[in-house]
PDB file of N, CA and C in Angstrom:
ATOM      1  N   MET A   1      19.037   3.417  -4.174  1.00  0.00           N
ATOM      2  CA  MET A   1      18.943   3.600  -2.711  1.00  0.00           C
ATOM      3  C   MET A   1      18.459   2.310  -2.037  1.00  0.00           C
ATOM      4  N   GLN A   2      17.411   1.751  -2.546  1.00  0.00           N
ATOM      5  CA  GLN A   2      16.865   0.540  -1.947  1.00  0.00           C
ATOM      6  C   GLN A   2      17.850  -0.632  -2.092  1.00  0.00           C
ATOM      7  N   GLN A   3      18.544  -0.648  -3.212  1.00  0.00           N
ATOM      8  CA  GLN A   3      19.548  -1.694  -3.457  1.00  0.00           C
ATOM      9  C   GLN A   3      20.607  -1.670  -2.354  1.00  0.00           C
ATOM     10  N   LEU A   4      21.073  -0.473  -2.045  1.00  0.00           N
ATOM     11  CA  LEU A   4      22.102  -0.293  -1.018  1.00  0.00           C
ATOM     12  C   LEU A   4      21.576  -0.758   0.340  1.00  0.00           C
ATOM     13  N   LEU A   5      20.353  -0.405   0.639  1.00  0.00           N
ATOM     14  CA  LEU A   5      19.727  -0.785   1.908  1.00  0.00           C
ATOM     15  C   LEU A   5      19.644  -2.304   2.030  1.00  0.00           C
ATOM     16  N   MET A   6      19.247  -2.953   0.950  1.00  0.00           N
ATOM     17  CA  MET A   6      19.137  -4.420   0.955  1.00  0.00           C
ATOM     18  C   MET A   6      20.501  -5.066   1.180  1.00  0.00           C
ATOM     19  N   GLU A   7      21.512  -4.517   0.543  1.00  0.00           N
ATOM     20  CA  GLU A   7      22.867  -5.061   0.703  1.00  0.00           C
ATOM     21  C   GLU A   7      23.359  -4.876   2.133  1.00  0.00           C
ATOM     22  N   CYS A   8      23.063  -3.736   2.708  1.00  0.00           N
ATOM     23  CA  CYS A   8      23.460  -3.443   4.080  1.00  0.00           C
ATOM     24  C   CYS A   8      22.768  -4.408   5.043  1.00  0.00           C
ATOM     25  N   LEU A   9      21.483  -4.602   4.841  1.00  0.00           N
ATOM     26  CA  LEU A   9      20.707  -5.527   5.677  1.00  0.00           C
ATOM     27  C   LEU A   9      21.252  -6.940   5.571  1.00  0.00           C
ATOM     28  N   GLU A  10      21.608  -7.321   4.349  1.00  0.00           N
ATOM     29  CA  GLU A  10      22.147  -8.648   4.110  1.00  0.00           C
ATOM     30  C   GLU A  10      23.445  -8.846   4.885  1.00  0.00           C
ATOM     31  N   LEU A  11      24.274  -7.815   4.867  1.00  0.00           N
ATOM     32  CA  LEU A  11      25.562  -7.867   5.557  1.00  0.00           C
ATOM     33  C   LEU A  11      25.359  -7.992   7.068  1.00  0.00           C
ATOM     34  N   VAL A  12      24.444  -7.192   7.608  1.00  0.00           N
ATOM     35  CA  VAL A  12      24.144  -7.219   9.042  1.00  0.00           C
ATOM     36  C   VAL A  12      23.596  -8.593   9.438  1.00  0.00           C
ATOM     37  N   TYR A  13      22.692  -9.107   8.619  1.00  0.00           N
ATOM     38  CA  TYR A  13      22.104 -10.416   8.875  1.00  0.00           C
ATOM     39  C   TYR A  13      23.177 -11.499   8.878  1.00  0.00           C
ATOM     40  N   PHE A  14      24.066 -11.413   7.902  1.00  0.00           N
ATOM     41  CA  PHE A  14      25.151 -12.386   7.783  1.00  0.00           C
ATOM     42  C   PHE A  14      26.058 -12.358   9.014  1.00  0.00           C
ATOM     43  N   LYS A  15      26.409 -11.161   9.448  1.00  0.00           N
ATOM     44  CA  LYS A  15      27.260 -11.016  10.635  1.00  0.00           C
ATOM     45  C   LYS A  15      26.560 -11.545  11.880  1.00  0.00           C
ATOM     46  N   LEU A  16      25.274 -11.282  11.971  1.00  0.00           N
ATOM     47  CA  LEU A  16      24.491 -11.752  13.102  1.00  0.00           C
ATOM     48  C   LEU A  16      24.458 -13.286  13.124  1.00  0.00           C
ATOM     49  N   LEU A  17      24.308 -13.876  11.947  1.00  0.00           N
ATOM     50  CA  LEU A  17      24.287 -15.326  11.809  1.00  0.00           C
ATOM     51  C   LEU A  17      25.605 -15.932  12.279  1.00  0.00           C
ATOM     52  N   ILE A  18      26.699 -15.327  11.881  1.00  0.00           N
ATOM     53  CA  ILE A  18      28.028 -15.791  12.289  1.00  0.00           C
ATOM     54  C   ILE A  18      28.195 -15.658  13.802  1.00  0.00           C
ATOM     55  N   CYS A  19      27.737 -14.532  14.325  1.00  0.00           N
ATOM     56  CA  CYS A  19      27.827 -14.281  15.763  1.00  0.00           C
ATOM     57  C   CYS A  19      27.030 -15.332  16.537  1.00  0.00           C
ATOM     58  N   MET A  20      25.831 -15.606  16.074  1.00  0.00           N
ATOM     59  CA  MET A  20      24.977 -16.608  16.723  1.00  0.00           C
ATOM     60  C   MET A  20      25.626 -17.987  16.673  1.00  0.00           C
ATOM     61  N   ASN A  21      26.175 -18.335  15.542  1.00  0.00           N
ATOM     62  CA  ASN A  21      26.857 -19.616  15.389  1.00  0.00           C
ATOM     63  C   ASN A  21      28.014 -19.728  16.368  1.00  0.00           C
ATOM     64  N   TYR A  22      28.773 -18.657  16.489  1.00  0.00           N
ATOM     65  CA  TYR A  22      29.922 -18.620  17.393  1.00  0.00           C
ATOM     66  C   TYR A  22      29.473 -18.837  18.841  1.00  0.00           C
ATOM     67  N   VAL A  23      28.433 -18.100  19.244  1.00  0.00           N
ATOM     68  CA  VAL A  23      27.921 -18.191  20.618  1.00  0.00           C
ATOM     69  C   VAL A  23      27.401 -19.598  20.908  1.00  0.00           C
ATOM     70  N   ILE A  24      26.632 -20.132  19.987  1.00  0.00           N
ATOM     71  CA  ILE A  24      26.059 -21.467  20.169  1.00  0.00           C
ATOM     72  C   ILE A  24      27.158 -22.535  20.232  1.00  0.00           C
ATOM     73  N   CYS A  25      28.142 -22.414  19.335  1.00  0.00           N
ATOM     74  CA  CYS A  25      29.241 -23.394  19.292  1.00  0.00           C
ATOM     75  C   CYS A  25      30.070 -23.369  20.576  1.00  0.00           C
ATOM     76  N   HIS A  26      30.265 -22.202  21.129  1.00  0.00           N
ATOM     77  CA  HIS A  26      31.115 -22.087  22.308  1.00  0.00           C
ATOM     78  C   HIS A  26      30.349 -22.245  23.623  1.00  0.00           C
ATOM     79  N   LYS A  27      29.043 -22.301  23.511  1.00  0.00           N
ATOM     80  CA  LYS A  27      28.239 -22.478  24.713  1.00  0.00           C
ATOM     81  C   LYS A  27      28.112 -23.969  25.071  1.00  0.00           C
ATOM     82  N   PHE A  28      28.005 -24.789  24.028  1.00  0.00           N
ATOM     83  CA  PHE A  28      27.785 -26.219  24.261  1.00  0.00           C
ATOM     84  C   PHE A  28      29.008 -27.045  23.895  1.00  0.00           C
TER      85      PHE A  28
END
């Protein structure tokens, strides 16, 4: 159960990182 939660969190974090990179790149 905890393993699955960690993987899910990792995925969300990764997507958030990509989203932030996209926003920052297109803002400046």
